[in-house]
Amino acid sequence: MKATPPAIALQAVTKRYQNRPVVDNLSLTIAPGETLVLLGTSGCGKTTTLQLMNRLIDADAGTVLINGVDVQQQLPHDLRRHIGYVIQDAGLFPHYSVAQNIAVVPRLLQWDTARITQRTHELLTLLRLPDTILDRLPDALSGGQRQRVGLARALAADPPIILMDEPFGALDPITRDDIRRELKELEVFRQKTVVLVTHDVREAFILGDRIVLMDAGRIVQTGTPDLFRQQPATPFVSRFLKASGEG
């Protein structure tokens, strides 16, 4: 029987800007259904690593595979239709209503109107959003509502992979904690491969099955939250955890 490939694999991947490696010969595999957190300070290469996975940018060297297929063999817009993407402050289209934002990918996939409407209402229920917001523009929503709508849009076509880039960074601490807790409890996320970028160690420990700590474009340590707490691999890891209050 043929083995199931990793959901995502990066093989000796390098990305340079102005001849400086931002991601430096990085190799990483992510299993189907795993929630992996890319953790590190600003400029460590974690967002660049995430964007290589859905071809928002392309690698200068190495290979990125999704379900065993090289992303270079797929058109970027086709690849992204099957990968949900959530960014800070939701990244909603400002002139689209909530309903139109959620329906973006289903419409590209040519779902019929009834199916889109049903899926939209399912997601509103799942993410604890009222139907009354459907006709509103993003500016008329609270920060927490916008972020939930962003999650709904990412989930709309039921993609197997969700990429999340600092998704809660623009929220106040109480709203951020509420959405983290809700996300952790959602069964739908447990069934998907999730890659989350954050600089917040507490967030990483709450949400991650496995954590990848990066520095200067390289992986410093990989492991479970418990492994990081009990066996920091280098002095840098210890300092990073202590600075966050988790060391």
C-alpha atoms as a PDB file:
ATOM      1  CA  MET A   1       0.000   0.000   0.000  1.00  0.00           C
ATOM      2  CA  LYS A   2       1.309   3.405  -0.964  1.00  0.00           C
ATOM      3  CA  ALA A   3       2.067   5.636   2.009  1.00  0.00           C
ATOM      4  CA  THR A   4       0.029   8.819   2.420  1.00  0.00           C
ATOM      5  CA  PRO A   5       2.271  11.816   1.648  1.00  0.00           C
ATOM      6  CA  PRO A   6       2.598  14.711   4.101  1.00  0.00           C
ATOM      7  CA  ALA A   7      -0.049  17.398   3.696  1.00  0.00           C
ATOM      8  CA  ILE A   8       2.780  19.907   3.249  1.00  0.00           C
ATOM      9  CA  ALA A   9       6.491  19.339   2.721  1.00  0.00           C
ATOM     10  CA  LEU A  10       9.300  21.842   2.252  1.00  0.00           C
ATOM     11  CA  GLN A  11      12.547  20.354   0.974  1.00  0.00           C
ATOM     12  CA  ALA A  12      15.726  22.453   1.272  1.00  0.00           C
ATOM     13  CA  VAL A  13      13.777  25.630   0.524  1.00  0.00           C
ATOM     14  CA  THR A  14      15.527  28.992   0.259  1.00  0.00           C
ATOM     15  CA  LYS A  15      14.057  32.442  -0.383  1.00  0.00           C
ATOM     16  CA  ARG A  16      16.293  35.485  -0.746  1.00  0.00           C
ATOM     17  CA  TYR A  17      15.604  39.199  -0.762  1.00  0.00           C
ATOM     18  CA  GLN A  18      18.428  41.482  -1.933  1.00  0.00           C
ATOM     19  CA  ASN A  19      20.690  38.431  -1.911  1.00  0.00           C
ATOM     20  CA  ARG A  20      19.983  37.782   1.776  1.00  0.00           C
ATOM     21  CA  PRO A  21      18.318  34.471   2.705  1.00  0.00           C
ATOM     22  CA  VAL A  22      15.056  35.115   4.570  1.00  0.00           C
ATOM     23  CA  VAL A  23      14.307  31.385   4.499  1.00  0.00           C
ATOM     24  CA  ASP A  24      17.565  29.459   4.493  1.00  0.00           C
ATOM     25  CA  ASN A  25      17.703  25.825   3.282  1.00  0.00           C
ATOM     26  CA  LEU A  26      14.623  24.941   5.322  1.00  0.00           C
ATOM     27  CA  SER A  27      13.107  21.438   5.359  1.00  0.00           C
ATOM     28  CA  LEU A  28       9.830  20.650   7.109  1.00  0.00           C
ATOM     29  CA  THR A  29       6.973  18.143   6.867  1.00  0.00           C
ATOM     30  CA  ILE A  30       3.444  18.654   8.187  1.00  0.00           C
ATOM     31  CA  ALA A  31       1.135  15.674   8.633  1.00  0.00           C
ATOM     32  CA  PRO A  32      -2.512  15.657   7.518  1.00  0.00           C
ATOM     33  CA  GLY A  33      -4.690  16.948  10.350  1.00  0.00           C
ATOM     34  CA  GLU A  34      -1.780  18.498  12.269  1.00  0.00           C
ATOM     35  CA  THR A  35      -1.834  22.036  13.660  1.00  0.00           C
ATOM     36  CA  LEU A  36       1.684  23.359  13.303  1.00  0.00           C
ATOM     37  CA  VAL A  37       2.774  26.746  14.625  1.00  0.00           C
ATOM     38  CA  LEU A  38       5.597  28.742  13.039  1.00  0.00           C
ATOM     39  CA  LEU A  39       6.910  30.785  15.955  1.00  0.00           C
ATOM     40  CA  GLY A  40       9.560  33.467  16.178  1.00  0.00           C
ATOM     41  CA  THR A  41      10.414  37.139  16.337  1.00  0.00           C
ATOM     42  CA  SER A  42       9.676  39.617  13.552  1.00  0.00           C
ATOM     43  CA  GLY A  43      11.906  39.012  10.553  1.00  0.00           C
ATOM     44  CA  CYS A  44      12.735  35.396  11.373  1.00  0.00           C
ATOM     45  CA  GLY A  45      11.185  34.084   8.138  1.00  0.00           C
ATOM     46  CA  LYS A  46       7.966  32.543   9.452  1.00  0.00           C
ATOM     47  CA  THR A  47       5.538  34.539   7.268  1.00  0.00           C
ATOM     48  CA  THR A  48       7.734  33.986   4.207  1.00  0.00           C
ATOM     49  CA  THR A  49       7.683  30.256   4.940  1.00  0.00           C
ATOM     50  CA  LEU A  50       3.881  30.319   5.132  1.00  0.00           C
ATOM     51  CA  GLN A  51       3.526  32.261   1.875  1.00  0.00           C
ATOM     52  CA  LEU A  52       5.718  29.744   0.054  1.00  0.00           C
ATOM     53  CA  MET A  53       3.071  27.114   0.776  1.00  0.00           C
ATOM     54  CA  ASN A  54       0.342  28.758  -1.309  1.00  0.00           C
ATOM     55  CA  ARG A  55       2.642  30.468  -3.845  1.00  0.00           C
ATOM     56  CA  LEU A  56       2.043  34.003  -2.697  1.00  0.00           C
ATOM     57  CA  ILE A  57       5.781  33.964  -3.256  1.00  0.00           C
ATOM     58  CA  ASP A  58       7.976  31.370  -4.970  1.00  0.00           C
ATOM     59  CA  ALA A  59      11.127  29.780  -3.617  1.00  0.00           C
ATOM     60  CA  ASP A  60      14.529  30.563  -5.132  1.00  0.00           C
ATOM     61  CA  ALA A  61      15.678  27.009  -4.417  1.00  0.00           C
ATOM     62  CA  GLY A  62      14.199  23.798  -3.086  1.00  0.00           C
ATOM     63  CA  THR A  63      10.753  22.240  -3.443  1.00  0.00           C
ATOM     64  CA  VAL A  64       7.369  22.861  -1.820  1.00  0.00           C
ATOM     65  CA  LEU A  65       4.915  19.957  -2.007  1.00  0.00           C
ATOM     66  CA  ILE A  66       1.201  19.923  -1.176  1.00  0.00           C
ATOM     67  CA  ASN A  67      -0.123  16.362  -0.778  1.00  0.00           C
ATOM     68  CA  GLY A  68       2.959  15.138  -2.635  1.00  0.00           C
ATOM     69  CA  VAL A  69       2.546  17.473  -5.634  1.00  0.00           C
ATOM     70  CA  ASP A  70       5.072  20.224  -6.372  1.00  0.00           C
ATOM     71  CA  VAL A  71       3.305  23.589  -6.097  1.00  0.00           C
ATOM     72  CA  GLN A  72       5.205  24.733  -9.197  1.00  0.00           C
ATOM     73  CA  GLN A  73       3.135  22.240 -11.187  1.00  0.00           C
ATOM     74  CA  GLN A  74      -0.074  24.090 -10.237  1.00  0.00           C
ATOM     75  CA  LEU A  75      -1.325  27.532 -11.216  1.00  0.00           C
ATOM     76  CA  PRO A  76      -1.311  29.774  -8.119  1.00  0.00           C
ATOM     77  CA  HIS A  77      -5.047  30.605  -8.291  1.00  0.00           C
ATOM     78  CA  ASP A  78      -5.962  26.911  -8.655  1.00  0.00           C
ATOM     79  CA  LEU A  79      -3.730  25.981  -5.724  1.00  0.00           C
ATOM     80  CA  ARG A  80      -5.221  28.683  -3.483  1.00  0.00           C
ATOM     81  CA  ARG A  81      -8.802  27.621  -4.108  1.00  0.00           C
ATOM     82  CA  HIS A  82      -8.035  24.518  -2.059  1.00  0.00           C
ATOM     83  CA  ILE A  83      -6.122  26.278   0.726  1.00  0.00           C
ATOM     84  CA  GLY A  84      -7.869  28.590   3.186  1.00  0.00           C
ATOM     85  CA  TYR A  85      -5.925  31.725   4.114  1.00  0.00           C
ATOM     86  CA  VAL A  86      -6.493  34.005   7.113  1.00  0.00           C
ATOM     87  CA  ILE A  87      -4.467  37.133   7.869  1.00  0.00           C
ATOM     88  CA  GLN A  88      -4.370  39.773  10.587  1.00  0.00           C
ATOM     89  CA  ASP A  89      -7.554  41.877  10.749  1.00  0.00           C
ATOM     90  CA  ALA A  90      -9.239  39.309   8.458  1.00  0.00           C
ATOM     91  CA  GLY A  91      -8.176  40.885   5.125  1.00  0.00           C
ATOM     92  CA  LEU A  92     -11.781  41.113   3.934  1.00  0.00           C
ATOM     93  CA  PHE A  93     -12.714  42.866   0.709  1.00  0.00           C
ATOM     94  CA  PRO A  94     -13.936  46.250   2.024  1.00  0.00           C
ATOM     95  CA  HIS A  95     -16.605  46.833  -0.637  1.00  0.00           C
ATOM     96  CA  TYR A  96     -18.075  43.326  -0.359  1.00  0.00           C
ATOM     97  CA  SER A  97     -20.769  42.495   2.157  1.00  0.00           C
ATOM     98  CA  VAL A  98     -20.164  39.744   4.704  1.00  0.00           C
ATOM     99  CA  ALA A  99     -22.162  37.333   2.542  1.00  0.00           C
ATOM    100  CA  GLN A 100     -20.154  38.254  -0.562  1.00  0.00           C
ATOM    101  CA  ASN A 101     -16.845  37.867   1.280  1.00  0.00           C
ATOM    102  CA  ILE A 102     -17.740  34.393   2.520  1.00  0.00           C
ATOM    103  CA  ALA A 103     -18.917  33.353  -0.958  1.00  0.00           C
ATOM    104  CA  VAL A 104     -15.734  34.348  -2.842  1.00  0.00           C
ATOM    105  CA  VAL A 105     -14.176  30.890  -3.245  1.00  0.00           C
ATOM    106  CA  PRO A 106     -17.460  28.938  -3.599  1.00  0.00           C
ATOM    107  CA  ARG A 107     -18.396  31.257  -6.486  1.00  0.00           C
ATOM    108  CA  LEU A 108     -15.009  30.677  -8.123  1.00  0.00           C
ATOM    109  CA  LEU A 109     -15.733  26.955  -7.786  1.00  0.00           C
ATOM    110  CA  GLN A 110     -19.150  27.574  -9.418  1.00  0.00           C
ATOM    111  CA  TRP A 111     -21.292  26.445  -6.497  1.00  0.00           C
ATOM    112  CA  ASP A 112     -24.980  27.169  -7.006  1.00  0.00           C
ATOM    113  CA  THR A 113     -26.671  29.903  -4.963  1.00  0.00           C
ATOM    114  CA  ALA A 114     -28.606  27.528  -2.705  1.00  0.00           C
ATOM    115  CA  ARG A 115     -25.452  25.638  -1.740  1.00  0.00           C
ATOM    116  CA  ILE A 116     -23.578  28.872  -1.007  1.00  0.00           C
ATOM    117  CA  THR A 117     -26.445  30.172   1.141  1.00  0.00           C
ATOM    118  CA  GLN A 118     -26.631  26.924   3.105  1.00  0.00           C
ATOM    119  CA  ARG A 119     -22.875  26.847   3.679  1.00  0.00           C
ATOM    120  CA  THR A 120     -22.840  30.512   4.736  1.00  0.00           C
ATOM    121  CA  HIS A 121     -25.494  29.922   7.395  1.00  0.00           C
ATOM    122  CA  GLU A 122     -23.673  26.805   8.624  1.00  0.00           C
ATOM    123  CA  LEU A 123     -20.507  28.859   9.103  1.00  0.00           C
ATOM    124  CA  LEU A 124     -22.296  31.714  10.872  1.00  0.00           C
ATOM    125  CA  THR A 125     -23.704  29.203  13.358  1.00  0.00           C
ATOM    126  CA  LEU A 126     -20.334  27.487  13.769  1.00  0.00           C
ATOM    127  CA  LEU A 127     -18.507  30.758  14.435  1.00  0.00           C
ATOM    128  CA  ARG A 128     -21.243  32.313  16.597  1.00  0.00           C
ATOM    129  CA  LEU A 129     -22.125  35.118  14.220  1.00  0.00           C
ATOM    130  CA  PRO A 130     -25.677  36.504  13.813  1.00  0.00           C
ATOM    131  CA  ASP A 131     -27.461  36.365  10.444  1.00  0.00           C
ATOM    132  CA  THR A 132     -28.071  40.108  10.773  1.00  0.00           C
ATOM    133  CA  ILE A 133     -24.482  40.888   9.709  1.00  0.00           C
ATOM    134  CA  LEU A 134     -24.753  39.284   6.254  1.00  0.00           C
ATOM    135  CA  ASP A 135     -25.514  42.533   4.428  1.00  0.00           C
ATOM    136  CA  ARG A 136     -23.009  44.644   6.360  1.00  0.00           C
ATOM    137  CA  LEU A 137     -19.668  45.830   5.046  1.00  0.00           C
ATOM    138  CA  PRO A 138     -16.530  44.897   7.026  1.00  0.00           C
ATOM    139  CA  ASP A 139     -16.137  48.434   8.410  1.00  0.00           C
ATOM    140  CA  ALA A 140     -19.498  48.031  10.180  1.00  0.00           C
ATOM    141  CA  LEU A 141     -18.237  45.026  12.170  1.00  0.00           C
ATOM    142  CA  SER A 142     -16.268  44.771  15.381  1.00  0.00           C
ATOM    143  CA  GLY A 143     -12.713  43.446  15.228  1.00  0.00           C
ATOM    144  CA  GLY A 144     -13.809  40.090  16.598  1.00  0.00           C
ATOM    145  CA  GLN A 145     -16.638  39.832  14.072  1.00  0.00           C
ATOM    146  CA  ARG A 146     -14.297  40.668  11.193  1.00  0.00           C
ATOM    147  CA  GLN A 147     -11.877  37.970  12.273  1.00  0.00           C
ATOM    148  CA  ARG A 148     -14.667  35.397  12.538  1.00  0.00           C
ATOM    149  CA  VAL A 149     -15.868  36.360   9.050  1.00  0.00           C
ATOM    150  CA  GLY A 150     -12.290  35.907   7.837  1.00  0.00           C
ATOM    151  CA  LEU A 151     -12.303  32.415   9.333  1.00  0.00           C
ATOM    152  CA  ALA A 152     -15.672  31.723   7.684  1.00  0.00           C
ATOM    153  CA  ARG A 153     -14.302  32.803   4.305  1.00  0.00           C
ATOM    154  CA  ALA A 154     -11.283  30.517   4.736  1.00  0.00           C
ATOM    155  CA  LEU A 155     -13.551  27.585   5.631  1.00  0.00           C
ATOM    156  CA  ALA A 156     -16.264  28.272   3.046  1.00  0.00           C
ATOM    157  CA  ALA A 157     -15.202  25.717   0.423  1.00  0.00           C
ATOM    158  CA  ASP A 158     -14.111  23.225   3.109  1.00  0.00           C
ATOM    159  CA  PRO A 159     -10.403  23.212   2.108  1.00  0.00           C
ATOM    160  CA  PRO A 160      -8.193  20.533   3.672  1.00  0.00           C
ATOM    161  CA  ILE A 161      -5.454  23.066   4.529  1.00  0.00           C
ATOM    162  CA  ILE A 162      -5.776  26.378   6.397  1.00  0.00           C
ATOM    163  CA  LEU A 163      -2.899  28.880   6.555  1.00  0.00           C
ATOM    164  CA  MET A 164      -3.135  31.596   9.223  1.00  0.00           C
ATOM    165  CA  ASP A 165      -0.747  34.569   9.420  1.00  0.00           C
ATOM    166  CA  GLU A 166      -0.898  36.349  12.797  1.00  0.00           C
ATOM    167  CA  PRO A 167      -4.717  36.043  12.613  1.00  0.00           C
ATOM    168  CA  PHE A 168      -5.398  37.452  16.073  1.00  0.00           C
ATOM    169  CA  GLY A 169      -2.676  40.099  16.264  1.00  0.00           C
ATOM    170  CA  ALA A 170      -5.010  43.078  15.710  1.00  0.00           C
ATOM    171  CA  LEU A 171      -7.537  42.048  18.366  1.00  0.00           C
ATOM    172  CA  ASP A 172      -7.776  43.232  21.953  1.00  0.00           C
ATOM    173  CA  PRO A 173      -6.592  40.651  24.533  1.00  0.00           C
ATOM    174  CA  ILE A 174     -10.064  39.569  25.686  1.00  0.00           C
ATOM    175  CA  THR A 175     -11.406  39.068  22.149  1.00  0.00           C
ATOM    176  CA  ARG A 176      -8.176  37.317  21.161  1.00  0.00           C
ATOM    177  CA  ASP A 177      -8.487  34.859  24.064  1.00  0.00           C
ATOM    178  CA  ASP A 178     -12.151  34.208  23.243  1.00  0.00           C
ATOM    179  CA  ILE A 179     -11.444  33.388  19.596  1.00  0.00           C
ATOM    180  CA  ARG A 180      -8.419  31.243  20.469  1.00  0.00           C
ATOM    181  CA  ARG A 181     -10.575  29.201  22.827  1.00  0.00           C
ATOM    182  CA  GLU A 182     -13.364  28.842  20.272  1.00  0.00           C
ATOM    183  CA  LEU A 183     -10.872  27.797  17.591  1.00  0.00           C
ATOM    184  CA  LYS A 184      -9.361  25.159  19.858  1.00  0.00           C
ATOM    185  CA  GLU A 185     -12.821  23.699  20.489  1.00  0.00           C
ATOM    186  CA  LEU A 186     -13.975  23.608  16.848  1.00  0.00           C
ATOM    187  CA  GLU A 187     -14.097  20.043  15.534  1.00  0.00           C
ATOM    188  CA  VAL A 188     -13.808  21.320  11.962  1.00  0.00           C
ATOM    189  CA  PHE A 189     -10.289  22.615  12.656  1.00  0.00           C
ATOM    190  CA  ARG A 190      -9.224  19.315  14.209  1.00  0.00           C
ATOM    191  CA  GLN A 191      -9.994  17.648  10.885  1.00  0.00           C
ATOM    192  CA  LYS A 192      -7.799  20.031   8.858  1.00  0.00           C
ATOM    193  CA  THR A 193      -4.116  20.693   8.417  1.00  0.00           C
ATOM    194  CA  VAL A 194      -3.508  24.111   9.967  1.00  0.00           C
ATOM    195  CA  VAL A 195      -0.320  26.191   9.800  1.00  0.00           C
ATOM    196  CA  LEU A 196      -0.354  29.205  12.107  1.00  0.00           C
ATOM    197  CA  VAL A 197       2.224  32.001  12.186  1.00  0.00           C
ATOM    198  CA  THR A 198       2.628  33.885  15.461  1.00  0.00           C
ATOM    199  CA  HIS A 199       5.208  35.586  17.653  1.00  0.00           C
ATOM    200  CA  ASP A 200       3.039  34.852  20.726  1.00  0.00           C
ATOM    201  CA  VAL A 201       4.375  31.873  22.691  1.00  0.00           C
ATOM    202  CA  ARG A 202       1.183  31.501  24.730  1.00  0.00           C
ATOM    203  CA  GLU A 203      -0.871  31.337  21.526  1.00  0.00           C
ATOM    204  CA  ALA A 204       1.528  28.740  20.113  1.00  0.00           C
ATOM    205  CA  PHE A 205       1.287  26.594  23.226  1.00  0.00           C
ATOM    206  CA  ILE A 206      -2.526  26.793  23.297  1.00  0.00           C
ATOM    207  CA  LEU A 207      -3.155  26.012  19.633  1.00  0.00           C
ATOM    208  CA  GLY A 208      -0.199  24.013  18.349  1.00  0.00           C
ATOM    209  CA  ASP A 209       0.143  20.226  18.178  1.00  0.00           C
ATOM    210  CA  ARG A 210       3.730  20.963  17.192  1.00  0.00           C
ATOM    211  CA  ILE A 211       5.800  24.136  17.204  1.00  0.00           C
ATOM    212  CA  VAL A 212       8.618  25.202  14.901  1.00  0.00           C
ATOM    213  CA  LEU A 213      10.730  27.993  16.411  1.00  0.00           C
ATOM    214  CA  MET A 214      12.620  29.953  13.754  1.00  0.00           C
ATOM    215  CA  ASP A 215      15.483  32.414  13.842  1.00  0.00           C
ATOM    216  CA  ALA A 216      17.257  34.036  10.878  1.00  0.00           C
ATOM    217  CA  GLY A 217      15.404  31.859   8.370  1.00  0.00           C
ATOM    218  CA  ARG A 218      16.303  28.550   9.987  1.00  0.00           C
ATOM    219  CA  ILE A 219      14.598  26.136  12.352  1.00  0.00           C
ATOM    220  CA  VAL A 220      16.030  26.297  15.866  1.00  0.00           C
ATOM    221  CA  GLN A 221      13.804  23.694  17.511  1.00  0.00           C
ATOM    222  CA  THR A 222      10.763  21.594  16.592  1.00  0.00           C
ATOM    223  CA  GLY A 223       8.504  19.777  19.021  1.00  0.00           C
ATOM    224  CA  THR A 224       5.407  19.721  21.170  1.00  0.00           C
ATOM    225  CA  PRO A 225       4.667  22.499  23.665  1.00  0.00           C
ATOM    226  CA  ASP A 226       5.709  20.148  26.481  1.00  0.00           C
ATOM    227  CA  LEU A 227       9.061  19.458  24.812  1.00  0.00           C
ATOM    228  CA  PHE A 228       9.742  23.199  24.553  1.00  0.00           C
ATOM    229  CA  ARG A 229       8.898  23.676  28.236  1.00  0.00           C
ATOM    230  CA  GLN A 230      10.941  20.712  29.435  1.00  0.00           C
ATOM    231  CA  GLN A 231      13.858  20.559  26.980  1.00  0.00           C
ATOM    232  CA  PRO A 232      14.712  23.859  25.279  1.00  0.00           C
ATOM    233  CA  ALA A 233      17.321  22.902  22.700  1.00  0.00           C
ATOM    234  CA  THR A 234      19.558  25.994  22.820  1.00  0.00           C
ATOM    235  CA  PRO A 235      20.179  29.091  24.932  1.00  0.00           C
ATOM    236  CA  PHE A 236      18.241  31.063  22.284  1.00  0.00           C
ATOM    237  CA  VAL A 237      15.151  28.905  22.895  1.00  0.00           C
ATOM    238  CA  SER A 238      15.449  29.399  26.659  1.00  0.00           C
ATOM    239  CA  ARG A 239      15.791  33.167  26.271  1.00  0.00           C
ATOM    240  CA  PHE A 240      12.852  33.325  23.867  1.00  0.00           C
ATOM    241  CA  LEU A 241      10.586  31.418  26.268  1.00  0.00           C
ATOM    242  CA  LYS A 242      11.711  33.404  29.301  1.00  0.00           C
ATOM    243  CA  ALA A 243      11.119  36.718  27.517  1.00  0.00           C
ATOM    244  CA  SER A 244       7.533  35.611  26.883  1.00  0.00           C
ATOM    245  CA  GLY A 245       6.977  34.513  30.476  1.00  0.00           C
ATOM    246  CA  GLU A 246       6.759  30.845  29.490  1.00  0.00           C
ATOM    247  CA  GLY A 247      10.307  29.821  30.305  1.00  0.00           C
END
